[in-house]
Every structure is written in C-alpha cells, then in structure tokens.
C-alpha cells in the first residue's frame, strides 16, 4: 500500500516554492506563517476529490512513493496558484 505523510511532503514542497512566492508577493510572505500555510494546504489537498482519485489510481498501478511525492508537488503548486 502506498503511504506518504501529506503534511510533511507539503511542507517540503512549500519550502522549495517559498522563495518564488516571496519574490512575487513580498508583503504577503512577510506576514504568512509557512507552517500554518502548509497545514491548510495539506487539509485542502487531502479533501480534494482529484487528489483522492489520483492516490487510488496510484495504488492500483503500484506507483512508488517518489511518484506519489511528485503528484503531491503538482497539487501543492496548483493550490498555491488558486490561493493567489
């Protein structure tokens, strides 16, 4: 069974994406708590029907955890785009 810690993966991806976000939105980056943002992103993504369907498909295809992490990365980037 495919298992990943969504919140941990979201935090890792946000850490990578944060620099670009801060460059585009410096004032927001000053006041946003990254930990809170990661928590909210993880909750939102976990409830997303497309994410749930993708995980089910990943399990059915026996995808590796690396592929699942890439999948989460796409959802985090999409979530950030929707946020702003």
PDB file of N, CA and C in Angstrom:
ATOM      1  N   UNK A   1       0.846  -1.189   0.000  1.00  0.00           N
ATOM      2  CA  UNK A   1       0.000   0.000   0.000  1.00  0.00           C
ATOM      3  C   UNK A   1       0.887   1.247   0.000  1.00  0.00           C
ATOM      4  N   UNK A   2       0.481   2.226  -0.778  1.00  0.00           N
ATOM      5  CA  UNK A   2       1.206   3.480  -0.908  1.00  0.00           C
ATOM      6  C   UNK A   2       0.905   4.370   0.286  1.00  0.00           C
ATOM      7  N   UNK A   3       1.939   4.771   1.007  1.00  0.00           N
ATOM      8  CA  UNK A   3       1.738   5.678   2.135  1.00  0.00           C
ATOM      9  C   UNK A   3       2.756   6.804   2.074  1.00  0.00           C
ATOM     10  N   UNK A   4       2.257   8.008   2.243  1.00  0.00           N
ATOM     11  CA  UNK A   4       3.110   9.178   2.365  1.00  0.00           C
ATOM     12  C   UNK A   4       2.518  10.055   3.452  1.00  0.00           C
ATOM     13  N   UNK A   5       3.350  10.858   4.062  1.00  0.00           N
ATOM     14  CA  UNK A   5       2.869  11.813   5.047  1.00  0.00           C
ATOM     15  C   UNK A   5       2.612  13.113   4.300  1.00  0.00           C
ATOM     16  N   UNK A   6       1.354  13.371   4.002  1.00  0.00           N
ATOM     17  CA  UNK A   6       0.978  14.506   3.172  1.00  0.00           C
ATOM     18  C   UNK A   6       1.491  15.820   3.748  1.00  0.00           C
ATOM     19  N   UNK A   7       1.301  16.021   5.040  1.00  0.00           N
ATOM     20  CA  UNK A   7       1.708  17.290   5.639  1.00  0.00           C
ATOM     21  C   UNK A   7       3.220  17.495   5.509  1.00  0.00           C
ATOM     22  N   UNK A   8       4.002  16.455   5.764  1.00  0.00           N
ATOM     23  CA  UNK A   8       5.456  16.571   5.628  1.00  0.00           C
ATOM     24  C   UNK A   8       5.859  16.889   4.191  1.00  0.00           C
ATOM     25  N   UNK A   9       5.234  16.211   3.256  1.00  0.00           N
ATOM     26  CA  UNK A   9       5.563  16.443   1.851  1.00  0.00           C
ATOM     27  C   UNK A   9       5.156  17.851   1.419  1.00  0.00           C
ATOM     28  N   UNK A  10       4.007  18.305   1.892  1.00  0.00           N
ATOM     29  CA  UNK A  10       3.568  19.666   1.575  1.00  0.00           C
ATOM     30  C   UNK A  10       4.559  20.678   2.141  1.00  0.00           C
ATOM     31  N   UNK A  11       5.017  20.473   3.360  1.00  0.00           N
ATOM     32  CA  UNK A  11       5.994  21.379   3.969  1.00  0.00           C
ATOM     33  C   UNK A  11       7.275  21.428   3.156  1.00  0.00           C
ATOM     34  N   UNK A  12       7.751  20.286   2.694  1.00  0.00           N
ATOM     35  CA  UNK A  12       8.970  20.240   1.892  1.00  0.00           C
ATOM     36  C   UNK A  12       8.802  21.008   0.586  1.00  0.00           C
ATOM     37  N   UNK A  13       7.670  20.788  -0.057  1.00  0.00           N
ATOM     38  CA  UNK A  13       7.420  21.435  -1.342  1.00  0.00           C
ATOM     39  C   UNK A  13       7.240  22.938  -1.162  1.00  0.00           C
ATOM     40  N   UNK A  14       6.523  23.338  -0.124  1.00  0.00           N
ATOM     41  CA  UNK A  14       6.355  24.767   0.144  1.00  0.00           C
ATOM     42  C   UNK A  14       7.692  25.436   0.443  1.00  0.00           C
ATOM     43  N   UNK A  15       8.567  24.747   1.126  1.00  0.00           N
ATOM     44  CA  UNK A  15       9.890  25.315   1.425  1.00  0.00           C
ATOM     45  C   UNK A  15      10.627  25.625   0.123  1.00  0.00           C
ATOM     46  N   UNK A  16      10.497  24.748  -0.858  1.00  0.00           N
ATOM     47  CA  UNK A  16      11.140  24.964  -2.152  1.00  0.00           C
ATOM     48  C   UNK A  16      10.448  26.097  -2.911  1.00  0.00           C
ATOM     49  N   UNK A  17       9.136  26.123  -2.873  1.00  0.00           N
ATOM     50  CA  UNK A  17       8.362  27.110  -3.625  1.00  0.00           C
ATOM     51  C   UNK A  17       8.338  28.481  -2.943  1.00  0.00           C
ATOM     52  N   UNK A  18       8.703  28.534  -1.677  1.00  0.00           N
ATOM     53  CA  UNK A  18       8.542  29.759  -0.893  1.00  0.00           C
ATOM     54  C   UNK A  18       9.345  30.930  -1.470  1.00  0.00           C
ATOM     55  N   UNK A  19      10.540  30.672  -1.926  1.00  0.00           N
ATOM     56  CA  UNK A  19      11.387  31.760  -2.442  1.00  0.00           C
ATOM     57  C   UNK A  19      10.699  32.478  -3.600  1.00  0.00           C
ATOM     58  N   UNK A  20      10.190  31.716  -4.554  1.00  0.00           N
ATOM     59  CA  UNK A  20       9.483  32.316  -5.685  1.00  0.00           C
ATOM     60  C   UNK A  20       8.236  33.052  -5.234  1.00  0.00           C
ATOM     61  N   UNK A  21       7.516  32.461  -4.293  1.00  0.00           N
ATOM     62  CA  UNK A  21       6.324  33.101  -3.748  1.00  0.00           C
ATOM     63  C   UNK A  21       6.694  34.436  -3.091  1.00  0.00           C
ATOM     64  N   UNK A  22       7.757  34.425  -2.307  1.00  0.00           N
ATOM     65  CA  UNK A  22       8.193  35.633  -1.600  1.00  0.00           C
ATOM     66  C   UNK A  22       8.648  36.720  -2.570  1.00  0.00           C
ATOM     67  N   UNK A  23       9.250  36.307  -3.683  1.00  0.00           N
ATOM     68  CA  UNK A  23       9.673  37.283  -4.687  1.00  0.00           C
ATOM     69  C   UNK A  23       8.474  37.919  -5.378  1.00  0.00           C
ATOM     70  N   UNK A  24       7.449  37.130  -5.641  1.00  0.00           N
ATOM     71  CA  UNK A  24       6.258  37.636  -6.314  1.00  0.00           C
ATOM     72  C   UNK A  24       5.342  38.405  -5.374  1.00  0.00           C
ATOM     73  N   UNK A  25       5.343  38.018  -4.095  1.00  0.00           N
ATOM     74  CA  UNK A  25       4.422  38.597  -3.111  1.00  0.00           C
ATOM     75  C   UNK A  25       5.171  38.883  -1.805  1.00  0.00           C
ATOM     76  N   UNK A  26       6.092  39.836  -1.826  1.00  0.00           N
ATOM     77  CA  UNK A  26       6.943  40.050  -0.646  1.00  0.00           C
ATOM     78  C   UNK A  26       6.170  40.436   0.620  1.00  0.00           C
ATOM     79  N   UNK A  27       5.152  41.235   0.484  1.00  0.00           N
ATOM     80  CA  UNK A  27       4.402  41.653   1.680  1.00  0.00           C
ATOM     81  C   UNK A  27       3.613  40.498   2.282  1.00  0.00           C
ATOM     82  N   UNK A  28       3.033  39.686   1.435  1.00  0.00           N
ATOM     83  CA  UNK A  28       2.317  38.511   1.940  1.00  0.00           C
ATOM     84  C   UNK A  28       3.284  37.543   2.614  1.00  0.00           C
ATOM     85  N   UNK A  29       4.425  37.339   2.009  1.00  0.00           N
ATOM     86  CA  UNK A  29       5.406  36.412   2.568  1.00  0.00           C
ATOM     87  C   UNK A  29       5.874  36.847   3.952  1.00  0.00           C
ATOM     88  N   UNK A  30       5.878  38.144   4.189  1.00  0.00           N
ATOM     89  CA  UNK A  30       6.287  38.658   5.494  1.00  0.00           C
ATOM     90  C   UNK A  30       5.299  38.290   6.595  1.00  0.00           C
ATOM     91  N   UNK A  31       4.029  38.194   6.255  1.00  0.00           N
ATOM     92  CA  UNK A  31       3.009  38.011   7.288  1.00  0.00           C
ATOM     93  C   UNK A  31       2.407  36.606   7.335  1.00  0.00           C
ATOM     94  N   UNK A  32       2.706  35.779   6.349  1.00  0.00           N
ATOM     95  CA  UNK A  32       2.145  34.427   6.313  1.00  0.00           C
ATOM     96  C   UNK A  32       3.058  33.469   7.067  1.00  0.00           C
ATOM     97  N   UNK A  33       2.468  32.691   7.921  1.00  0.00           N
ATOM     98  CA  UNK A  33       3.182  31.649   8.659  1.00  0.00           C
ATOM     99  C   UNK A  33       3.256  30.413   7.764  1.00  0.00           C
ATOM    100  N   UNK A  34       4.481  30.026   7.387  1.00  0.00           N
ATOM    101  CA  UNK A  34       4.664  28.881   6.494  1.00  0.00           C
ATOM    102  C   UNK A  34       4.075  27.595   7.067  1.00  0.00           C
ATOM    103  N   UNK A  35       4.204  27.399   8.362  1.00  0.00           N
ATOM    104  CA  UNK A  35       3.671  26.178   8.977  1.00  0.00           C
ATOM    105  C   UNK A  35       2.154  26.122   8.864  1.00  0.00           C
ATOM    106  N   UNK A  36       1.518  27.244   9.123  1.00  0.00           N
ATOM    107  CA  UNK A  36       0.059  27.309   9.020  1.00  0.00           C
ATOM    108  C   UNK A  36      -0.378  27.129   7.567  1.00  0.00           C
ATOM    109  N   UNK A  37       0.374  27.723   6.664  1.00  0.00           N
ATOM    110  CA  UNK A  37       0.056  27.583   5.257  1.00  0.00           C
ATOM    111  C   UNK A  37       0.182  26.126   4.814  1.00  0.00           C
ATOM    112  N   UNK A  38       1.221  25.443   5.266  1.00  0.00           N
ATOM    113  CA  UNK A  38       1.407  24.030   4.921  1.00  0.00           C
ATOM    114  C   UNK A  38       0.275  23.184   5.482  1.00  0.00           C
ATOM    115  N   UNK A  39      -0.125  23.475   6.701  1.00  0.00           N
ATOM    116  CA  UNK A  39      -1.216  22.726   7.318  1.00  0.00           C
ATOM    117  C   UNK A  39      -2.512  22.910   6.545  1.00  0.00           C
ATOM    118  N   UNK A  40      -2.816  24.154   6.172  1.00  0.00           N
ATOM    119  CA  UNK A  40      -4.041  24.424   5.424  1.00  0.00           C
ATOM    120  C   UNK A  40      -3.991  23.798   4.032  1.00  0.00           C
ATOM    121  N   UNK A  41      -2.819  23.847   3.400  1.00  0.00           N
ATOM    122  CA  UNK A  41      -2.671  23.230   2.080  1.00  0.00           C
ATOM    123  C   UNK A  41      -2.893  21.725   2.174  1.00  0.00           C
ATOM    124  N   UNK A  42      -2.302  21.089   3.175  1.00  0.00           N
ATOM    125  CA  UNK A  42      -2.455  19.643   3.343  1.00  0.00           C
ATOM    126  C   UNK A  42      -3.919  19.270   3.567  1.00  0.00           C
ATOM    127  N   UNK A  43      -4.617  20.039   4.387  1.00  0.00           N
ATOM    128  CA  UNK A  43      -6.036  19.762   4.627  1.00  0.00           C
ATOM    129  C   UNK A  43      -6.852  19.929   3.355  1.00  0.00           C
ATOM    130  N   UNK A  44      -6.578  20.989   2.631  1.00  0.00           N
ATOM    131  CA  UNK A  44      -7.312  21.253   1.395  1.00  0.00           C
ATOM    132  C   UNK A  44      -7.051  20.175   0.350  1.00  0.00           C
ATOM    133  N   UNK A  45      -5.788  19.816   0.193  1.00  0.00           N
ATOM    134  CA  UNK A  45      -5.423  18.798  -0.794  1.00  0.00           C
ATOM    135  C   UNK A  45      -5.994  17.440  -0.406  1.00  0.00           C
ATOM    136  N   UNK A  46      -5.949  17.094   0.863  1.00  0.00           N
ATOM    137  CA  UNK A  46      -6.476  15.803   1.317  1.00  0.00           C
ATOM    138  C   UNK A  46      -7.964  15.670   1.015  1.00  0.00           C
ATOM    139  N   UNK A  47      -8.692  16.790   1.032  1.00  0.00           N
ATOM    140  CA  UNK A  47     -10.134  16.776   0.753  1.00  0.00           C
ATOM    141  C   UNK A  47     -10.459  16.862  -0.736  1.00  0.00           C
ATOM    142  N   UNK A  48      -9.468  17.121  -1.550  1.00  0.00           N
ATOM    143  CA  UNK A  48      -9.674  17.310  -2.986  1.00  0.00           C
ATOM    144  C   UNK A  48     -10.019  15.978  -3.656  1.00  0.00           C
ATOM    145  N   UNK A  49     -11.176  15.884  -4.306  1.00  0.00           N
ATOM    146  CA  UNK A  49     -11.563  14.626  -4.953  1.00  0.00           C
ATOM    147  C   UNK A  49     -10.568  14.178  -6.029  1.00  0.00           C
ATOM    148  N   UNK A  50      -9.964  15.126  -6.732  1.00  0.00           N
ATOM    149  CA  UNK A  50      -8.977  14.767  -7.750  1.00  0.00           C
ATOM    150  C   UNK A  50      -7.744  14.139  -7.111  1.00  0.00           C
ATOM    151  N   UNK A  51      -7.337  14.663  -5.965  1.00  0.00           N
ATOM    152  CA  UNK A  51      -6.194  14.095  -5.244  1.00  0.00           C
ATOM    153  C   UNK A  51      -6.528  12.684  -4.758  1.00  0.00           C
ATOM    154  N   UNK A  52      -7.705  12.527  -4.192  1.00  0.00           N
ATOM    155  CA  UNK A  52      -8.110  11.213  -3.690  1.00  0.00           C
ATOM    156  C   UNK A  52      -8.166  10.191  -4.831  1.00  0.00           C
ATOM    157  N   UNK A  53      -8.705  10.609  -5.977  1.00  0.00           N
ATOM    158  CA  UNK A  53      -8.782   9.726  -7.130  1.00  0.00           C
ATOM    159  C   UNK A  53      -7.371   9.374  -7.626  1.00  0.00           C
ATOM    160  N   UNK A  54      -6.486  10.364  -7.679  1.00  0.00           N
ATOM    161  CA  UNK A  54      -5.112  10.119  -8.130  1.00  0.00           C
ATOM    162  C   UNK A  54      -4.394   9.138  -7.211  1.00  0.00           C
ATOM    163  N   UNK A  55      -4.613   9.258  -5.905  1.00  0.00           N
ATOM    164  CA  UNK A  55      -3.993   8.310  -4.973  1.00  0.00           C
ATOM    165  C   UNK A  55      -4.526   6.903  -5.173  1.00  0.00           C
ATOM    166  N   UNK A  56      -5.840   6.788  -5.386  1.00  0.00           N
ATOM    167  CA  UNK A  56      -6.415   5.461  -5.634  1.00  0.00           C
ATOM    168  C   UNK A  56      -5.815   4.844  -6.899  1.00  0.00           C
ATOM    169  N   UNK A  57      -5.673   5.662  -7.931  1.00  0.00           N
ATOM    170  CA  UNK A  57      -5.080   5.171  -9.172  1.00  0.00           C
ATOM    171  C   UNK A  57      -3.625   4.790  -8.962  1.00  0.00           C
ATOM    172  N   UNK A  58      -2.915   5.589  -8.174  1.00  0.00           N
ATOM    173  CA  UNK A  58      -1.506   5.295  -7.892  1.00  0.00           C
ATOM    174  C   UNK A  58      -1.372   3.956  -7.186  1.00  0.00           C
ATOM    175  N   UNK A  59      -2.257   3.705  -6.239  1.00  0.00           N
ATOM    176  CA  UNK A  59      -2.221   2.432  -5.530  1.00  0.00           C
ATOM    177  C   UNK A  59      -2.534   1.282  -6.478  1.00  0.00           C
ATOM    178  N   UNK A  60      -3.501   1.493  -7.355  1.00  0.00           N
ATOM    179  CA  UNK A  60      -3.873   0.453  -8.306  1.00  0.00           C
ATOM    180  C   UNK A  60      -2.753   0.133  -9.287  1.00  0.00           C
ATOM    181  N   UNK A  61      -1.947   1.121  -9.589  1.00  0.00           N
ATOM    182  CA  UNK A  61      -0.840   0.938 -10.521  1.00  0.00           C
ATOM    183  C   UNK A  61       0.462   0.616  -9.799  1.00  0.00           C
ATOM    184  N   UNK A  62       0.393   0.547  -8.476  1.00  0.00           N
ATOM    185  CA  UNK A  62       1.561   0.260  -7.650  1.00  0.00           C
ATOM    186  C   UNK A  62       2.693   1.257  -7.896  1.00  0.00           C
ATOM    187  N   UNK A  63       2.321   2.531  -7.937  1.00  0.00           N
ATOM    188  CA  UNK A  63       3.323   3.578  -8.097  1.00  0.00           C
ATOM    189  C   UNK A  63       4.213   3.624  -6.872  1.00  0.00           C
ATOM    190  N   UNK A  64       5.408   4.121  -7.069  1.00  0.00           N
ATOM    191  CA  UNK A  64       6.348   4.257  -5.960  1.00  0.00           C
ATOM    192  C   UNK A  64       6.015   5.506  -5.148  1.00  0.00           C
ATOM    193  N   UNK A  65       6.602   5.592  -3.973  1.00  0.00           N
ATOM    194  CA  UNK A  65       6.414   6.775  -3.134  1.00  0.00           C
ATOM    195  C   UNK A  65       6.961   8.015  -3.836  1.00  0.00           C
ATOM    196  N   UNK A  66       8.013   7.868  -4.638  1.00  0.00           N
ATOM    197  CA  UNK A  66       8.569   9.013  -5.368  1.00  0.00           C
ATOM    198  C   UNK A  66       7.557   9.605  -6.339  1.00  0.00           C
ATOM    199  N   UNK A  67       6.827   8.754  -7.003  1.00  0.00           N
ATOM    200  CA  UNK A  67       5.804   9.225  -7.935  1.00  0.00           C
ATOM    201  C   UNK A  67       4.697   9.927  -7.147  1.00  0.00           C
ATOM    202  N   UNK A  68       4.347   9.376  -6.011  1.00  0.00           N
ATOM    203  CA  UNK A  68       3.317   9.991  -5.172  1.00  0.00           C
ATOM    204  C   UNK A  68       3.760  11.372  -4.699  1.00  0.00           C
ATOM    205  N   UNK A  69       5.032  11.514  -4.368  1.00  0.00           N
ATOM    206  CA  UNK A  69       5.557  12.812  -3.935  1.00  0.00           C
ATOM    207  C   UNK A  69       5.474  13.815  -5.083  1.00  0.00           C
ATOM    208  N   UNK A  70       5.783  13.382  -6.287  1.00  0.00           N
ATOM    209  CA  UNK A  70       5.645  14.261  -7.449  1.00  0.00           C
ATOM    210  C   UNK A  70       4.182  14.675  -7.639  1.00  0.00           C
ATOM    211  N   UNK A  71       3.292  13.744  -7.439  1.00  0.00           N
ATOM    212  CA  UNK A  71       1.869  14.023  -7.525  1.00  0.00           C
ATOM    213  C   UNK A  71       1.470  15.093  -6.513  1.00  0.00           C
ATOM    214  N   UNK A  72       1.926  14.947  -5.280  1.00  0.00           N
ATOM    215  CA  UNK A  72       1.641  15.934  -4.235  1.00  0.00           C
ATOM    216  C   UNK A  72       2.207  17.285  -4.643  1.00  0.00           C
ATOM    217  N   UNK A  73       3.401  17.292  -5.213  1.00  0.00           N
ATOM    218  CA  UNK A  73       4.013  18.540  -5.654  1.00  0.00           C
ATOM    219  C   UNK A  73       3.134  19.294  -6.634  1.00  0.00           C
ATOM    220  N   UNK A  74       2.549  18.574  -7.561  1.00  0.00           N
ATOM    221  CA  UNK A  74       1.639  19.212  -8.518  1.00  0.00           C
ATOM    222  C   UNK A  74       0.421  19.803  -7.832  1.00  0.00           C
ATOM    223  N   UNK A  75      -0.127  19.086  -6.874  1.00  0.00           N
ATOM    224  CA  UNK A  75      -1.294  19.597  -6.155  1.00  0.00           C
ATOM    225  C   UNK A  75      -0.938  20.821  -5.311  1.00  0.00           C
ATOM    226  N   UNK A  76       0.244  20.828  -4.714  1.00  0.00           N
ATOM    227  CA  UNK A  76       0.662  21.990  -3.917  1.00  0.00           C
ATOM    228  C   UNK A  76       0.822  23.209  -4.819  1.00  0.00           C
ATOM    229  N   UNK A  77       1.461  23.030  -5.951  1.00  0.00           N
ATOM    230  CA  UNK A  77       1.649  24.153  -6.876  1.00  0.00           C
ATOM    231  C   UNK A  77       0.309  24.670  -7.378  1.00  0.00           C
ATOM    232  N   UNK A  78      -0.601  23.776  -7.700  1.00  0.00           N
ATOM    233  CA  UNK A  78      -1.943  24.192  -8.121  1.00  0.00           C
ATOM    234  C   UNK A  78      -2.663  24.927  -7.001  1.00  0.00           C
ATOM    235  N   UNK A  79      -2.516  24.440  -5.757  1.00  0.00           N
ATOM    236  CA  UNK A  79      -3.157  25.073  -4.606  1.00  0.00           C
ATOM    237  C   UNK A  79      -2.626  26.487  -4.423  1.00  0.00           C
ATOM    238  N   UNK A  80      -1.319  26.659  -4.565  1.00  0.00           N
ATOM    239  CA  UNK A  80      -0.725  27.990  -4.432  1.00  0.00           C
ATOM    240  C   UNK A  80      -1.243  28.929  -5.513  1.00  0.00           C
ATOM    241  N   UNK A  81      -1.383  28.440  -6.726  1.00  0.00           N
ATOM    242  CA  UNK A  81      -1.908  29.267  -7.822  1.00  0.00           C
ATOM    243  C   UNK A  81      -3.335  29.724  -7.513  1.00  0.00           C
ATOM    244  N   UNK A  82      -4.143  28.818  -6.993  1.00  0.00           N
ATOM    245  CA  UNK A  82      -5.529  29.159  -6.647  1.00  0.00           C
ATOM    246  C   UNK A  82      -5.598  30.169  -5.507  1.00  0.00           C
ATOM    247  N   UNK A  83      -4.639  30.047  -4.598  1.00  0.00           N
ATOM    248  CA  UNK A  83      -4.602  30.924  -3.432  1.00  0.00           C
ATOM    249  C   UNK A  83      -4.432  32.372  -3.860  1.00  0.00           C
ATOM    250  N   UNK A  84      -3.608  32.566  -4.870  1.00  0.00           N
ATOM    251  CA  UNK A  84      -3.310  33.918  -5.326  1.00  0.00           C
ATOM    252  C   UNK A  84      -3.788  34.088  -6.732  1.00  0.00           C
TER     253      UNK A  84
END
